[in-house]
Amino acid sequence: MSLSKLLAQIPGALLSGPCSPPGSPHSLPEAHARFLAESNGALAYHGYFRLFGLGQAAAPSLGTWNETSYWKFAWPNAPLESFVCFGGNAWGDQYAYKRGEGETIHLLGAFDMEPEPIADSFEGFFRDEFLRCAREPYDQETLAAFERCGPLGWGEHLLQAPPLLLAGELPKRASKMPARTAMVANGDVATQLADAPEQAVLQGLRPYLDDAGRDRLKVIWSD
C-alpha cells in the first residue's frame, strides 16, 4: 500500500490533491517525490504535524517555506541555508534534509534549530515517525494543546505564552498563530536571548513590524 493511502486511513489526517508540474526547486528523494505525486502535502493528527507541498495546493509551498526572507532570516545564528525543510509540527520543529547528505532526515528543534538525525530515508521517516505521530503524538503537551485549541489549518502553528525559552518552565497557554509569524517569533526570542547583555533582567516582549512589514518580537531587558 502506498504511503499516502496508509496515512489516509488514520483519523485526523488530511491529504491534498496530487502534485502537478512544475515540481520542486529542491532535489527530493524518489520516495518523497512519489508521495507528493499522490498527495501534494498532508496534515496529520488534526493539523499538528504536516508535510509541505510543491505549490498549487492548499498545503504551504516547500519552495516558499525555504526562502530565507520567509522565516529563516530570524535565525542568523543557525546554519539553516544548509537545510531543506519539508515539514514539521505545530510548535515549529522542522523535518529537513541537509544539503549534501543524501536522504538522511534531521529534526530541527523549534527553539534552537539544532539538527538531530532521525531517519535514513523518507520512507523510514514516514513509516516510523510521521505515521506514529499521526496516530498519537509522543508528548503530552501536544495532546493537551489539541484538547485546548482544537484542529489546526494548513497555515497555523501554536505559539506558547510566555515563550518557552523565557518561561523557565513549560508554559500553560498556547495560541493559534500564522505559521510564518510563529517561526519568526521563536527565532527573534532565541537570537536575542543568546545575545542578551550580561546580568540583564527580562522586562517583557514588544511586537513590531520590521521594514519588510513582517511581524517581529523585541525582547526588552533592564540593566
Protein backbone atom coordinates (compact mmCIF):
# COMPACT_ATOMS: atom_id res chain seq x y z
CA MET A 1 0.00 0.00 0.00
CA SER A 2 1.31 3.45 -0.86
CA LEU A 3 2.40 5.87 1.87
CA SER A 4 -0.42 8.30 1.10
CA LYS A 5 -3.02 5.53 1.40
CA LEU A 6 -1.55 4.43 4.74
CA LEU A 7 -1.89 7.99 6.06
CA ALA A 8 -5.39 8.42 4.66
CA GLN A 9 -6.63 5.55 6.84
CA ILE A 10 -5.72 7.37 10.07
CA PRO A 11 -8.39 9.62 11.68
CA GLY A 12 -7.34 13.29 11.80
CA ALA A 13 -5.29 13.13 8.58
CA LEU A 14 -5.95 15.41 5.62
CA LEU A 15 -4.24 14.94 2.26
CA SER A 16 -4.05 17.48 -0.52
CA GLY A 17 -4.60 16.59 -4.17
CA PRO A 18 -1.89 15.05 -6.37
CA CYS A 19 1.04 17.18 -7.49
CA SER A 20 1.17 18.75 -10.91
CA PRO A 21 4.15 20.46 -12.62
CA PRO A 22 6.38 22.47 -12.30
CA GLY A 23 7.74 20.33 -9.47
CA SER A 24 10.22 21.14 -6.72
CA PRO A 25 13.04 23.70 -6.76
CA HIS A 26 14.89 21.27 -4.46
CA SER A 27 16.10 17.77 -5.22
CA LEU A 28 13.96 15.26 -3.32
CA PRO A 29 14.47 11.52 -2.83
CA GLU A 30 12.41 9.28 -5.10
CA ALA A 31 10.09 8.05 -2.32
CA HIS A 32 9.36 11.63 -1.24
CA ALA A 33 8.67 12.77 -4.81
CA ARG A 34 6.39 9.77 -5.30
CA PHE A 35 4.42 10.67 -2.16
CA LEU A 36 3.93 14.25 -3.40
CA ALA A 37 2.81 12.96 -6.78
CA GLU A 38 -0.04 11.23 -4.94
CA SER A 39 -0.67 13.82 -2.24
CA ASN A 40 0.79 17.30 -2.62
CA GLY A 41 1.15 17.94 1.10
CA ALA A 42 -0.52 16.42 4.15
CA LEU A 43 -1.73 17.20 7.65
CA ALA A 44 -1.75 14.59 10.41
CA TYR A 45 -3.20 14.47 13.91
CA HIS A 46 -5.68 17.26 13.14
CA GLY A 47 -3.01 19.57 11.72
CA TYR A 48 -0.39 19.20 14.46
CA PHE A 49 2.02 17.53 12.03
CA ARG A 50 2.41 18.49 8.38
CA LEU A 51 4.30 17.86 5.15
CA PHE A 52 4.60 20.69 2.65
CA GLY A 53 3.57 20.53 -1.00
CA LEU A 54 5.06 21.96 -4.16
CA GLY A 55 2.65 24.83 -4.71
CA GLN A 56 -0.72 24.78 -6.49
CA ALA A 57 -2.28 23.22 -3.38
CA ALA A 58 -3.71 24.15 -0.01
CA ALA A 59 -0.52 22.98 1.70
CA PRO A 60 2.30 25.53 2.17
CA SER A 61 4.78 25.52 -0.70
CA LEU A 62 8.08 23.84 0.06
CA GLY A 63 9.79 26.41 -2.16
CA THR A 64 8.31 29.45 -0.40
CA TRP A 65 8.86 27.97 3.07
CA ASN A 66 12.61 27.65 2.38
CA GLU A 67 13.13 31.19 1.10
CA THR A 68 15.44 33.00 3.52
CA SER A 69 13.16 36.04 3.65
CA TYR A 70 10.16 33.97 4.71
CA TRP A 71 11.27 32.94 8.23
CA LYS A 72 14.87 31.68 8.20
CA PHE A 73 16.23 35.24 8.36
CA ALA A 74 15.12 35.39 12.02
CA TRP A 75 17.65 32.65 12.87
CA PRO A 76 21.02 34.24 11.91
CA ASN A 77 22.91 32.03 14.39
CA ALA A 78 21.63 28.79 12.85
CA PRO A 79 23.04 27.41 9.53
CA LEU A 80 19.57 26.99 8.04
CA GLU A 81 20.66 27.55 4.44
CA SER A 82 22.28 24.10 4.69
CA PHE A 83 18.85 22.51 5.20
CA VAL A 84 15.75 22.00 3.08
CA CYS A 85 12.76 21.94 5.44
CA PHE A 86 9.88 19.86 4.08
CA GLY A 87 7.52 19.64 7.07
CA GLY A 88 7.23 19.94 10.81
CA ASN A 89 4.90 20.13 13.75
CA ALA A 90 2.65 22.73 15.34
CA TRP A 91 5.40 24.02 17.66
CA GLY A 92 7.86 24.73 14.84
CA ASP A 93 10.12 21.66 14.91
CA GLN A 94 11.22 21.08 11.31
CA TYR A 95 11.77 17.93 9.27
CA ALA A 96 14.68 18.61 6.94
CA TYR A 97 17.29 17.25 4.57
CA LYS A 98 20.83 18.57 4.90
CA ARG A 99 22.28 19.50 1.54
CA GLY A 100 24.99 17.06 0.52
CA GLU A 101 23.93 14.36 2.99
CA GLY A 102 21.67 12.33 0.75
CA GLU A 103 18.39 11.07 2.19
CA THR A 104 19.20 11.49 5.89
CA ILE A 105 16.38 13.35 7.63
CA HIS A 106 17.01 15.70 10.56
CA LEU A 107 14.71 17.18 13.15
CA LEU A 108 15.49 20.87 13.75
CA GLY A 109 14.37 21.94 17.23
CA ALA A 110 11.78 24.72 17.30
CA PHE A 111 13.62 26.76 19.92
CA ASP A 112 17.24 26.39 18.80
CA MET A 113 17.14 24.85 15.26
CA GLU A 114 19.77 22.33 16.35
CA PRO A 115 19.69 19.32 13.97
CA GLU A 116 19.18 15.75 15.15
CA PRO A 117 19.28 12.86 12.63
CA ILE A 118 16.06 10.84 12.95
CA ALA A 119 15.85 8.68 9.80
CA ASP A 120 17.99 7.35 6.97
CA SER A 121 15.29 7.68 4.30
CA PHE A 122 11.97 9.34 3.60
CA GLU A 123 10.12 6.03 3.65
CA GLY A 124 11.66 5.09 7.00
CA PHE A 125 10.83 8.53 8.39
CA PHE A 126 7.27 8.34 7.12
CA ARG A 127 6.54 4.86 8.48
CA ASP A 128 8.39 5.11 11.80
CA GLU A 129 7.96 8.80 12.69
CA PHE A 130 5.20 10.54 10.75
CA LEU A 131 2.64 7.73 10.88
CA ARG A 132 3.49 7.19 14.55
CA CYS A 133 2.74 10.84 15.34
CA ALA A 134 -0.36 10.76 13.14
CA ARG A 135 -1.82 8.01 15.32
CA GLU A 136 -0.78 9.56 18.66
CA PRO A 137 1.90 12.19 19.38
CA TYR A 138 4.76 11.35 21.73
CA ASP A 139 4.39 14.32 24.04
CA GLN A 140 1.62 15.19 26.44
CA GLU A 141 1.83 18.91 25.61
CA THR A 142 0.68 18.28 22.04
CA LEU A 143 -2.17 16.09 23.25
CA ALA A 144 -3.19 18.77 25.76
CA ALA A 145 -2.90 21.53 23.14
CA PHE A 146 -5.30 19.71 20.84
CA GLU A 147 -7.81 19.45 23.69
CA ARG A 148 -7.49 23.22 24.37
CA CYS A 149 -7.09 24.64 20.87
CA GLY A 150 -8.70 22.12 18.55
CA PRO A 151 -7.62 21.35 14.97
CA LEU A 152 -5.08 23.49 13.09
CA GLY A 153 -5.26 24.60 9.48
CA TRP A 154 -2.56 24.38 6.83
CA GLY A 155 -1.06 27.76 7.72
CA GLU A 156 -1.39 27.65 11.51
CA HIS A 157 1.10 26.96 14.28
CA LEU A 158 0.89 27.24 18.04
CA LEU A 159 2.86 29.86 19.95
CA GLN A 160 3.40 29.37 23.65
CA ALA A 161 2.96 32.28 26.04
CA PRO A 162 5.28 33.20 27.51
CA PRO A 163 7.78 31.69 25.02
CA LEU A 164 9.34 28.51 26.38
CA LEU A 165 12.85 29.97 26.18
CA LEU A 166 11.84 32.75 28.58
CA ALA A 167 9.36 30.92 30.79
CA GLY A 168 11.72 28.78 32.87
CA GLU A 169 9.04 26.06 32.88
CA LEU A 170 6.51 24.70 30.44
CA PRO A 171 4.03 27.49 29.58
CA LYS A 172 0.39 26.78 30.28
CA ARG A 173 -1.04 28.75 27.35
CA ALA A 174 -0.72 28.28 23.62
CA SER A 175 -2.46 30.27 20.92
CA LYS A 176 -3.08 29.69 17.22
CA MET A 177 -0.96 31.93 15.02
CA PRO A 178 0.12 32.09 11.37
CA ALA A 179 2.94 29.58 10.97
CA ARG A 180 5.35 32.11 9.48
CA THR A 181 4.77 34.56 12.34
CA ALA A 182 5.37 31.86 14.94
CA MET A 183 8.62 30.71 13.30
CA VAL A 184 9.91 34.28 13.18
CA ALA A 185 8.88 34.90 16.79
CA ASN A 186 10.78 31.84 18.01
CA GLY A 187 13.83 32.97 16.05
CA ASP A 188 13.65 36.52 17.40
CA VAL A 189 13.46 35.31 21.00
CA ALA A 190 16.22 32.71 20.60
CA THR A 191 18.59 35.17 18.90
CA GLN A 192 18.07 37.98 21.42
CA LEU A 193 18.35 35.60 24.36
CA ALA A 194 21.70 34.36 23.06
CA ASP A 195 22.89 37.97 22.65
CA ALA A 196 21.45 39.25 25.97
CA PRO A 197 23.60 41.71 27.94
CA GLU A 198 25.33 40.16 30.93
CA GLN A 199 23.23 40.44 34.12
CA ALA A 200 20.25 41.70 32.09
CA VAL A 201 16.78 41.07 33.50
CA LEU A 202 13.83 40.36 31.25
CA GLN A 203 11.13 43.03 31.38
CA GLY A 204 8.87 41.92 28.56
CA LEU A 205 8.27 41.49 24.85
CA ARG A 206 7.23 44.14 22.35
CA PRO A 207 5.70 43.26 18.97
CA TYR A 208 6.58 45.44 15.99
CA LEU A 209 6.66 45.44 12.18
CA ASP A 210 10.05 45.44 10.50
CA ASP A 211 10.90 47.36 7.32
CA ALA A 212 9.55 44.49 5.21
CA GLY A 213 6.19 44.55 7.03
CA ARG A 214 6.86 41.31 8.91
CA ASP A 215 5.63 40.69 12.45
CA ARG A 216 8.58 40.64 14.85
CA LEU A 217 9.26 40.43 18.59
CA LYS A 218 11.70 42.59 20.54
CA VAL A 219 12.89 41.39 23.93
CA ILE A 220 13.05 44.22 26.46
CA TRP A 221 15.85 43.98 29.01
CA SER A 222 16.62 46.06 32.09
CA ASP A 223 20.14 46.62 33.38
